[in-house]
Amino acid sequence: MTTWLALLRGINVGGRNRIRMSDLAACFEEAGYTDVRTYIQSGNVIFRARGERPALTETIERMLADAFDYDATVELRDLAAMRSVVEQAPPGFGSEPDVYRYDVLFLLPPLAADEVLEALTPKAGVDIAWPGPGVVYHSRLIARASQSGLTRIVAHPCYRRMTVRNWNTTSRLLALMDVAD
């Protein structure tokens, strides 16, 4: 059995695709996944299952689409992949939360970091972005967040192939996965 993290894209955002976490957990449990646990309202599900990432992703997306009547998009990461995301963060990433907002853009295959970095168009003095293992790390100056290039990526086609979590959530999800394993 492998400990997995399902990152659901586009739920509970702006009043769209409202899914209660208790309903989400129940859906996973009814499908036979074990040790199911959700974290905050943005669609993070930790669970244990047998199987390979591509097949599990397809099965879970179909399950969620049927259960909640929405076009489900899910990014799956196992414990090793999440550990890699946290351990390979740029030096100092997340260390000044009063000055910068730190986000991790989880990329759904086949989207690559270089495509996202090209689309981001970081603003000098506001944004910094780095490639990572299946992610892009992004920080933006809180005082000038409205000028950030990250807000413009929503209009880019690559945005539909990513899901974003802040650094605190990303770190906490790894800690929860470590406990579950």
C-alpha atoms as a PDB file:
ATOM      1  CA  MET A   1       0.000   0.000   0.000  1.00  0.00           C
ATOM      2  CA  THR A   2       1.224   3.446  -0.935  1.00  0.00           C
ATOM      3  CA  THR A   3       0.378   6.696   0.814  1.00  0.00           C
ATOM      4  CA  TRP A   4      -0.941   9.161  -1.764  1.00  0.00           C
ATOM      5  CA  LEU A   5      -1.984  12.779  -1.820  1.00  0.00           C
ATOM      6  CA  ALA A   6      -4.768  13.786  -4.189  1.00  0.00           C
ATOM      7  CA  LEU A   7      -4.734  17.498  -4.989  1.00  0.00           C
ATOM      8  CA  LEU A   8      -8.126  18.361  -6.459  1.00  0.00           C
ATOM      9  CA  ARG A   9      -8.148  21.272  -8.845  1.00  0.00           C
ATOM     10  CA  GLY A  10     -10.910  23.866  -8.858  1.00  0.00           C
ATOM     11  CA  ILE A  11     -13.124  22.929  -5.935  1.00  0.00           C
ATOM     12  CA  ASN A  12     -14.529  25.326  -3.348  1.00  0.00           C
ATOM     13  CA  VAL A  13     -13.156  28.312  -5.254  1.00  0.00           C
ATOM     14  CA  GLY A  14     -15.378  31.327  -5.793  1.00  0.00           C
ATOM     15  CA  GLY A  15     -18.505  29.386  -4.882  1.00  0.00           C
ATOM     16  CA  ARG A  16     -17.959  26.844  -7.663  1.00  0.00           C
ATOM     17  CA  ASN A  17     -17.748  23.074  -7.307  1.00  0.00           C
ATOM     18  CA  ARG A  18     -18.675  23.141  -3.621  1.00  0.00           C
ATOM     19  CA  ILE A  19     -17.708  19.857  -1.989  1.00  0.00           C
ATOM     20  CA  ARG A  20     -17.742  19.279   1.760  1.00  0.00           C
ATOM     21  CA  MET A  21     -14.602  17.566   2.961  1.00  0.00           C
ATOM     22  CA  SER A  22     -16.628  14.982   4.877  1.00  0.00           C
ATOM     23  CA  ASP A  23     -18.403  14.063   1.622  1.00  0.00           C
ATOM     24  CA  LEU A  24     -15.086  13.928  -0.197  1.00  0.00           C
ATOM     25  CA  ALA A  25     -13.575  11.612   2.418  1.00  0.00           C
ATOM     26  CA  ALA A  26     -16.677   9.398   2.343  1.00  0.00           C
ATOM     27  CA  CYS A  27     -16.409   9.134  -1.444  1.00  0.00           C
ATOM     28  CA  PHE A  28     -12.814   7.892  -1.195  1.00  0.00           C
ATOM     29  CA  GLU A  29     -13.696   5.449   1.584  1.00  0.00           C
ATOM     30  CA  GLU A  30     -16.669   4.061  -0.349  1.00  0.00           C
ATOM     31  CA  ALA A  31     -14.327   3.440  -3.292  1.00  0.00           C
ATOM     32  CA  GLY A  32     -12.161   1.248  -1.045  1.00  0.00           C
ATOM     33  CA  TYR A  33      -9.300   3.609  -0.273  1.00  0.00           C
ATOM     34  CA  THR A  34      -8.002   3.397   3.294  1.00  0.00           C
ATOM     35  CA  ASP A  35      -6.704   5.786   5.949  1.00  0.00           C
ATOM     36  CA  VAL A  36      -8.524   8.630   4.184  1.00  0.00           C
ATOM     37  CA  ARG A  37      -7.931  12.078   5.574  1.00  0.00           C
ATOM     38  CA  THR A  38      -8.718  15.531   4.179  1.00  0.00           C
ATOM     39  CA  TYR A  39      -6.953  18.775   4.927  1.00  0.00           C
ATOM     40  CA  ILE A  40      -8.617  22.199   4.655  1.00  0.00           C
ATOM     41  CA  GLN A  41     -11.332  23.059   2.143  1.00  0.00           C
ATOM     42  CA  SER A  42      -9.173  23.296  -0.984  1.00  0.00           C
ATOM     43  CA  GLY A  43      -9.384  19.613  -1.900  1.00  0.00           C
ATOM     44  CA  ASN A  44      -6.444  17.795  -0.350  1.00  0.00           C
ATOM     45  CA  VAL A  45      -6.987  14.088   0.322  1.00  0.00           C
ATOM     46  CA  ILE A  46      -4.407  11.778   1.861  1.00  0.00           C
ATOM     47  CA  PHE A  47      -5.171   8.087   1.460  1.00  0.00           C
ATOM     48  CA  ARG A  48      -3.605   4.677   1.037  1.00  0.00           C
ATOM     49  CA  ALA A  49      -4.079   2.510  -2.042  1.00  0.00           C
ATOM     50  CA  ARG A  50      -2.488  -0.024  -4.306  1.00  0.00           C
ATOM     51  CA  GLY A  51      -1.866   0.883  -7.906  1.00  0.00           C
ATOM     52  CA  GLU A  52       0.105   3.097 -10.206  1.00  0.00           C
ATOM     53  CA  ARG A  53      -0.265   6.850 -10.492  1.00  0.00           C
ATOM     54  CA  PRO A  54      -1.779   7.083 -14.021  1.00  0.00           C
ATOM     55  CA  ALA A  55      -4.458   4.436 -13.400  1.00  0.00           C
ATOM     56  CA  LEU A  56      -5.291   5.783  -9.943  1.00  0.00           C
ATOM     57  CA  THR A  57      -5.570   9.324 -11.293  1.00  0.00           C
ATOM     58  CA  GLU A  58      -7.990   8.243 -14.005  1.00  0.00           C
ATOM     59  CA  THR A  59     -10.071   6.168 -11.577  1.00  0.00           C
ATOM     60  CA  ILE A  60     -10.275   8.968  -9.004  1.00  0.00           C
ATOM     61  CA  GLU A  61     -11.178  11.625 -11.578  1.00  0.00           C
ATOM     62  CA  ARG A  62     -13.983   9.443 -12.900  1.00  0.00           C
ATOM     63  CA  MET A  63     -15.160   8.653  -9.340  1.00  0.00           C
ATOM     64  CA  LEU A  64     -15.269  12.349  -8.397  1.00  0.00           C
ATOM     65  CA  ALA A  65     -16.976  13.376 -11.631  1.00  0.00           C
ATOM     66  CA  ASP A  66     -19.703  10.786 -11.019  1.00  0.00           C
ATOM     67  CA  ALA A  67     -20.099  11.554  -7.318  1.00  0.00           C
ATOM     68  CA  PHE A  68     -20.022  15.350  -7.469  1.00  0.00           C
ATOM     69  CA  ASP A  69     -21.055  16.144 -11.046  1.00  0.00           C
ATOM     70  CA  TYR A  70     -18.036  18.229 -11.991  1.00  0.00           C
ATOM     71  CA  ASP A  71     -15.157  17.883 -14.422  1.00  0.00           C
ATOM     72  CA  ALA A  72     -12.640  16.505 -11.932  1.00  0.00           C
ATOM     73  CA  THR A  73      -8.939  17.139 -12.369  1.00  0.00           C
ATOM     74  CA  VAL A  74      -6.600  15.549  -9.839  1.00  0.00           C
ATOM     75  CA  GLU A  75      -2.849  15.585  -9.317  1.00  0.00           C
ATOM     76  CA  LEU A  76      -1.525  12.584  -7.364  1.00  0.00           C
ATOM     77  CA  ARG A  77       1.743  12.621  -5.454  1.00  0.00           C
ATOM     78  CA  ASP A  78       3.170   9.819  -3.359  1.00  0.00           C
ATOM     79  CA  LEU A  79       5.186  10.418  -0.196  1.00  0.00           C
ATOM     80  CA  ALA A  80       8.559  10.382  -1.973  1.00  0.00           C
ATOM     81  CA  ALA A  81       7.362  12.926  -4.540  1.00  0.00           C
ATOM     82  CA  MET A  82       5.994  15.253  -1.848  1.00  0.00           C
ATOM     83  CA  ARG A  83       9.167  14.929   0.192  1.00  0.00           C
ATOM     84  CA  SER A  84      11.125  15.886  -2.928  1.00  0.00           C
ATOM     85  CA  VAL A  85       8.926  18.975  -3.468  1.00  0.00           C
ATOM     86  CA  VAL A  86       9.581  20.206   0.068  1.00  0.00           C
ATOM     87  CA  GLU A  87      13.262  19.254   0.270  1.00  0.00           C
ATOM     88  CA  GLN A  88      14.135  20.738  -3.140  1.00  0.00           C
ATOM     89  CA  ALA A  89      12.550  24.121  -2.482  1.00  0.00           C
ATOM     90  CA  PRO A  90      14.890  27.040  -3.170  1.00  0.00           C
ATOM     91  CA  PRO A  91      17.061  28.120  -0.229  1.00  0.00           C
ATOM     92  CA  GLY A  92      15.069  30.351   2.118  1.00  0.00           C
ATOM     93  CA  PHE A  93      11.748  29.593   0.418  1.00  0.00           C
ATOM     94  CA  GLY A  94       9.003  30.156   2.980  1.00  0.00           C
ATOM     95  CA  SER A  95      11.291  31.881   5.480  1.00  0.00           C
ATOM     96  CA  GLU A  96       9.782  35.407   5.320  1.00  0.00           C
ATOM     97  CA  PRO A  97       6.000  34.915   5.428  1.00  0.00           C
ATOM     98  CA  ASP A  98       5.402  38.475   6.618  1.00  0.00           C
ATOM     99  CA  VAL A  99       7.116  39.852   3.493  1.00  0.00           C
ATOM    100  CA  TYR A 100       6.403  37.296   0.761  1.00  0.00           C
ATOM    101  CA  ARG A 101       3.551  35.020  -0.239  1.00  0.00           C
ATOM    102  CA  TYR A 102       4.936  31.581  -1.134  1.00  0.00           C
ATOM    103  CA  ASP A 103       3.085  29.231  -3.471  1.00  0.00           C
ATOM    104  CA  VAL A 104       3.786  25.876  -5.063  1.00  0.00           C
ATOM    105  CA  LEU A 105       2.270  25.333  -8.493  1.00  0.00           C
ATOM    106  CA  PHE A 106       1.756  21.570  -8.875  1.00  0.00           C
ATOM    107  CA  LEU A 107       1.957  20.682 -12.553  1.00  0.00           C
ATOM    108  CA  LEU A 108      -0.272  18.036 -14.067  1.00  0.00           C
ATOM    109  CA  PRO A 109       1.506  15.947 -16.694  1.00  0.00           C
ATOM    110  CA  PRO A 110       2.543  16.619 -19.359  1.00  0.00           C
ATOM    111  CA  LEU A 111       2.890  20.287 -18.324  1.00  0.00           C
ATOM    112  CA  ALA A 112       6.547  21.166 -17.691  1.00  0.00           C
ATOM    113  CA  ALA A 113       8.069  23.825 -15.463  1.00  0.00           C
ATOM    114  CA  ASP A 114       9.717  25.644 -18.382  1.00  0.00           C
ATOM    115  CA  GLU A 115       6.291  26.178 -20.018  1.00  0.00           C
ATOM    116  CA  VAL A 116       4.939  27.690 -16.815  1.00  0.00           C
ATOM    117  CA  LEU A 117       8.005  29.856 -16.238  1.00  0.00           C
ATOM    118  CA  GLU A 118       7.611  31.233 -19.760  1.00  0.00           C
ATOM    119  CA  ALA A 119       3.915  31.989 -19.150  1.00  0.00           C
ATOM    120  CA  LEU A 120       4.410  33.573 -15.719  1.00  0.00           C
ATOM    121  CA  THR A 121       6.119  36.760 -16.842  1.00  0.00           C
ATOM    122  CA  PRO A 122       7.398  37.638 -13.363  1.00  0.00           C
ATOM    123  CA  LYS A 123       7.483  41.332 -12.519  1.00  0.00           C
ATOM    124  CA  ALA A 124      10.898  42.566 -11.382  1.00  0.00           C
ATOM    125  CA  GLY A 125      10.961  43.387  -7.695  1.00  0.00           C
ATOM    126  CA  VAL A 126       7.664  41.558  -7.112  1.00  0.00           C
ATOM    127  CA  ASP A 127       7.864  37.938  -8.325  1.00  0.00           C
ATOM    128  CA  ILE A 128      10.465  35.218  -8.303  1.00  0.00           C
ATOM    129  CA  ALA A 129       9.839  31.743  -9.731  1.00  0.00           C
ATOM    130  CA  TRP A 130      11.971  28.600  -9.745  1.00  0.00           C
ATOM    131  CA  PRO A 131      11.481  25.199 -11.390  1.00  0.00           C
ATOM    132  CA  GLY A 132      11.205  22.140  -9.175  1.00  0.00           C
ATOM    133  CA  PRO A 133      10.287  18.442  -9.329  1.00  0.00           C
ATOM    134  CA  GLY A 134       6.945  18.613 -11.133  1.00  0.00           C
ATOM    135  CA  VAL A 135       6.284  22.027  -9.623  1.00  0.00           C
ATOM    136  CA  VAL A 136       7.094  25.694  -9.913  1.00  0.00           C
ATOM    137  CA  TYR A 137       7.940  27.542  -6.711  1.00  0.00           C
ATOM    138  CA  HIS A 138       6.689  31.107  -6.698  1.00  0.00           C
ATOM    139  CA  SER A 139       7.080  33.986  -4.270  1.00  0.00           C
ATOM    140  CA  ARG A 140       5.605  37.438  -4.527  1.00  0.00           C
ATOM    141  CA  LEU A 141       6.083  40.533  -2.440  1.00  0.00           C
ATOM    142  CA  ILE A 142       2.942  40.937  -0.324  1.00  0.00           C
ATOM    143  CA  ALA A 143       3.109  44.733  -0.435  1.00  0.00           C
ATOM    144  CA  ARG A 144       2.939  44.638  -4.261  1.00  0.00           C
ATOM    145  CA  ALA A 145       0.927  41.436  -4.752  1.00  0.00           C
ATOM    146  CA  SER A 146      -1.584  43.139  -7.047  1.00  0.00           C
ATOM    147  CA  GLN A 147       1.270  43.692  -9.538  1.00  0.00           C
ATOM    148  CA  SER A 148       2.281  40.039  -9.537  1.00  0.00           C
ATOM    149  CA  GLY A 149       2.550  38.141 -12.814  1.00  0.00           C
ATOM    150  CA  LEU A 150       0.989  35.140 -11.096  1.00  0.00           C
ATOM    151  CA  THR A 151      -2.465  36.708 -11.308  1.00  0.00           C
ATOM    152  CA  ARG A 152      -2.170  36.843 -15.107  1.00  0.00           C
ATOM    153  CA  ILE A 153      -1.458  33.147 -15.485  1.00  0.00           C
ATOM    154  CA  VAL A 154      -5.142  32.390 -14.908  1.00  0.00           C
ATOM    155  CA  ALA A 155      -5.795  33.493 -18.490  1.00  0.00           C
ATOM    156  CA  HIS A 156      -3.039  31.274 -19.919  1.00  0.00           C
ATOM    157  CA  PRO A 157      -3.914  27.775 -21.233  1.00  0.00           C
ATOM    158  CA  CYS A 158      -1.311  26.151 -18.961  1.00  0.00           C
ATOM    159  CA  TYR A 159      -3.306  27.246 -15.903  1.00  0.00           C
ATOM    160  CA  ARG A 160      -5.803  24.457 -16.576  1.00  0.00           C
ATOM    161  CA  ARG A 161      -2.971  21.933 -16.049  1.00  0.00           C
ATOM    162  CA  MET A 162      -1.885  23.033 -12.581  1.00  0.00           C
ATOM    163  CA  THR A 163      -3.176  23.368  -9.055  1.00  0.00           C
ATOM    164  CA  VAL A 164      -1.738  25.808  -6.532  1.00  0.00           C
ATOM    165  CA  ARG A 165      -1.119  25.370  -2.802  1.00  0.00           C
ATOM    166  CA  ASN A 166       0.601  27.820  -0.493  1.00  0.00           C
ATOM    167  CA  TRP A 167       3.852  26.795   1.138  1.00  0.00           C
ATOM    168  CA  ASN A 168       2.343  26.254   4.587  1.00  0.00           C
ATOM    169  CA  THR A 169      -0.255  23.886   3.149  1.00  0.00           C
ATOM    170  CA  THR A 170       2.371  22.046   1.089  1.00  0.00           C
ATOM    171  CA  SER A 171       4.622  21.544   4.123  1.00  0.00           C
ATOM    172  CA  ARG A 172       1.703  20.484   6.310  1.00  0.00           C
ATOM    173  CA  LEU A 173       0.507  17.956   3.724  1.00  0.00           C
ATOM    174  CA  LEU A 174       3.950  16.326   3.728  1.00  0.00           C
ATOM    175  CA  ALA A 175       3.876  16.124   7.537  1.00  0.00           C
ATOM    176  CA  LEU A 176       0.420  14.509   7.427  1.00  0.00           C
ATOM    177  CA  MET A 177       1.585  12.022   4.810  1.00  0.00           C
ATOM    178  CA  ASP A 178       4.608  11.126   6.960  1.00  0.00           C
ATOM    179  CA  VAL A 179       2.281  10.337   9.874  1.00  0.00           C
ATOM    180  CA  ALA A 180       0.003   8.244   7.656  1.00  0.00           C
ATOM    181  CA  ASP A 181       2.857   6.171   6.214  1.00  0.00           C
END
